[in-house]
């Protein structure tokens, strides 16, 4: 997360990274179904245990 300038507040970094998909790949695979109006890049992540 530090490499992307994201601050983690609470929780831990023990989540399985393979649980998340690359959003650009996901959106590219359904470009006939959606129209991208904007993007969001989080800089702070708040997690609860």
N, C-alpha and C. Protein backbone atom coordinates (compact mmCIF):
# COMPACT_ATOMS: atom_id res chain seq x y z
N UNK A 1 0.82 -1.19 0.00
CA UNK A 1 0.00 0.00 0.00
C UNK A 1 0.87 1.26 0.00
N UNK A 2 2.00 1.19 0.67
CA UNK A 2 2.88 2.36 0.69
C UNK A 2 3.34 2.74 -0.71
N UNK A 3 3.54 1.75 -1.56
CA UNK A 3 4.00 2.02 -2.93
C UNK A 3 2.99 2.84 -3.70
N UNK A 4 1.70 2.77 -3.30
CA UNK A 4 0.64 3.53 -3.95
C UNK A 4 0.19 4.72 -3.12
N UNK A 5 0.98 5.06 -2.09
CA UNK A 5 0.70 6.21 -1.24
C UNK A 5 -0.66 6.10 -0.54
N UNK A 6 -0.97 4.85 -0.07
CA UNK A 6 -2.22 4.59 0.65
C UNK A 6 -1.90 4.39 2.12
N UNK A 7 -2.66 5.03 3.01
CA UNK A 7 -2.47 4.91 4.44
C UNK A 7 -3.51 3.95 5.01
N UNK A 8 -3.07 2.94 5.75
CA UNK A 8 -3.96 1.99 6.39
C UNK A 8 -4.21 2.43 7.82
N UNK A 9 -5.49 2.58 8.19
CA UNK A 9 -5.86 2.95 9.55
C UNK A 9 -6.63 1.79 10.14
N UNK A 10 -6.10 1.15 11.16
CA UNK A 10 -6.75 0.00 11.77
C UNK A 10 -6.59 -1.23 10.90
N UNK A 11 -7.18 -2.34 11.35
CA UNK A 11 -7.09 -3.57 10.57
C UNK A 11 -5.66 -4.05 10.45
N UNK A 12 -5.38 -4.77 9.42
CA UNK A 12 -4.04 -5.29 9.19
C UNK A 12 -3.81 -5.51 7.71
N UNK A 13 -2.59 -5.84 7.38
CA UNK A 13 -2.26 -6.05 5.97
C UNK A 13 -2.30 -7.54 5.62
N UNK A 14 -3.04 -8.32 6.44
CA UNK A 14 -3.06 -9.77 6.26
C UNK A 14 -4.15 -10.26 5.30
N UNK A 15 -4.80 -9.38 4.58
CA UNK A 15 -5.80 -9.80 3.60
C UNK A 15 -5.12 -10.49 2.42
N UNK A 16 -5.83 -11.44 1.84
CA UNK A 16 -5.29 -12.18 0.71
C UNK A 16 -5.38 -11.32 -0.55
N UNK A 17 -4.26 -10.93 -1.12
CA UNK A 17 -4.28 -10.06 -2.31
C UNK A 17 -4.96 -10.72 -3.50
N UNK A 18 -4.99 -12.06 -3.56
CA UNK A 18 -5.63 -12.73 -4.69
C UNK A 18 -7.15 -12.65 -4.64
N UNK A 19 -7.69 -12.08 -3.56
CA UNK A 19 -9.14 -11.90 -3.45
C UNK A 19 -9.62 -10.72 -4.28
N UNK A 20 -8.70 -9.89 -4.73
CA UNK A 20 -9.05 -8.69 -5.47
C UNK A 20 -8.65 -8.84 -6.93
N UNK A 21 -9.48 -8.32 -7.83
CA UNK A 21 -9.19 -8.37 -9.25
C UNK A 21 -8.74 -6.99 -9.72
N UNK A 22 -7.98 -6.97 -10.80
CA UNK A 22 -7.54 -5.72 -11.41
C UNK A 22 -8.76 -5.04 -12.03
N UNK A 23 -9.15 -3.89 -11.50
CA UNK A 23 -10.37 -3.21 -11.94
C UNK A 23 -10.32 -2.81 -13.42
N UNK A 24 -9.14 -2.49 -13.91
CA UNK A 24 -9.02 -2.12 -15.33
C UNK A 24 -9.32 -3.32 -16.22
N UNK A 25 -8.86 -4.51 -15.82
CA UNK A 25 -9.16 -5.72 -16.59
C UNK A 25 -10.65 -6.05 -16.51
N UNK A 26 -11.23 -5.92 -15.33
CA UNK A 26 -12.65 -6.21 -15.15
C UNK A 26 -13.49 -5.29 -16.03
N UNK A 27 -13.20 -4.01 -16.01
CA UNK A 27 -13.97 -3.05 -16.79
C UNK A 27 -13.76 -3.25 -18.29
N UNK A 28 -12.56 -3.60 -18.69
CA UNK A 28 -12.28 -3.85 -20.11
C UNK A 28 -13.09 -5.03 -20.63
N UNK A 29 -13.31 -6.02 -19.76
CA UNK A 29 -14.06 -7.21 -20.17
C UNK A 29 -15.56 -6.97 -20.25
N UNK A 30 -16.04 -5.84 -19.77
CA UNK A 30 -17.48 -5.56 -19.86
C UNK A 30 -17.76 -4.19 -20.46
N UNK A 31 -16.87 -3.74 -21.33
CA UNK A 31 -17.01 -2.41 -21.91
C UNK A 31 -18.28 -2.24 -22.73
N UNK A 32 -18.87 -3.33 -23.20
CA UNK A 32 -20.14 -3.24 -23.94
C UNK A 32 -21.32 -2.99 -22.99
N UNK A 33 -21.13 -3.23 -21.70
CA UNK A 33 -22.21 -3.13 -20.72
C UNK A 33 -22.18 -1.85 -19.89
N UNK A 34 -21.01 -1.20 -19.83
CA UNK A 34 -20.87 -0.06 -18.94
C UNK A 34 -20.23 1.13 -19.64
N UNK A 35 -20.44 2.29 -19.08
CA UNK A 35 -19.76 3.50 -19.53
C UNK A 35 -19.07 4.10 -18.31
N UNK A 36 -17.78 4.22 -18.37
CA UNK A 36 -17.02 4.77 -17.24
C UNK A 36 -17.19 6.28 -17.23
N UNK A 37 -17.70 6.79 -16.12
CA UNK A 37 -17.91 8.23 -15.98
C UNK A 37 -16.80 8.90 -15.17
N UNK A 38 -16.07 8.12 -14.41
CA UNK A 38 -14.98 8.66 -13.61
C UNK A 38 -14.28 7.55 -12.86
N UNK A 39 -13.23 7.89 -12.18
CA UNK A 39 -12.48 6.90 -11.40
C UNK A 39 -12.25 7.43 -9.99
N UNK A 40 -12.01 6.54 -9.08
CA UNK A 40 -11.75 6.87 -7.68
C UNK A 40 -10.47 6.18 -7.26
N UNK A 41 -9.54 6.92 -6.70
CA UNK A 41 -8.30 6.35 -6.20
C UNK A 41 -8.20 6.64 -4.71
N UNK A 42 -8.47 5.63 -3.86
CA UNK A 42 -8.42 5.86 -2.42
C UNK A 42 -7.00 6.16 -1.94
N UNK A 43 -6.90 7.03 -0.99
CA UNK A 43 -5.61 7.35 -0.37
C UNK A 43 -5.58 6.94 1.09
N UNK A 44 -6.76 6.68 1.67
CA UNK A 44 -6.86 6.22 3.05
C UNK A 44 -7.80 5.02 3.07
N UNK A 45 -7.40 3.96 3.74
CA UNK A 45 -8.24 2.76 3.87
C UNK A 45 -8.49 2.53 5.34
N UNK A 46 -9.76 2.47 5.73
CA UNK A 46 -10.13 2.22 7.12
C UNK A 46 -10.71 0.81 7.21
N UNK A 47 -10.08 -0.04 7.99
CA UNK A 47 -10.53 -1.42 8.11
C UNK A 47 -10.91 -1.69 9.56
N UNK A 48 -11.79 -2.65 9.76
CA UNK A 48 -12.23 -3.03 11.10
C UNK A 48 -11.88 -4.50 11.31
N UNK A 49 -11.50 -4.83 12.53
CA UNK A 49 -11.18 -6.23 12.84
C UNK A 49 -12.41 -6.99 13.21
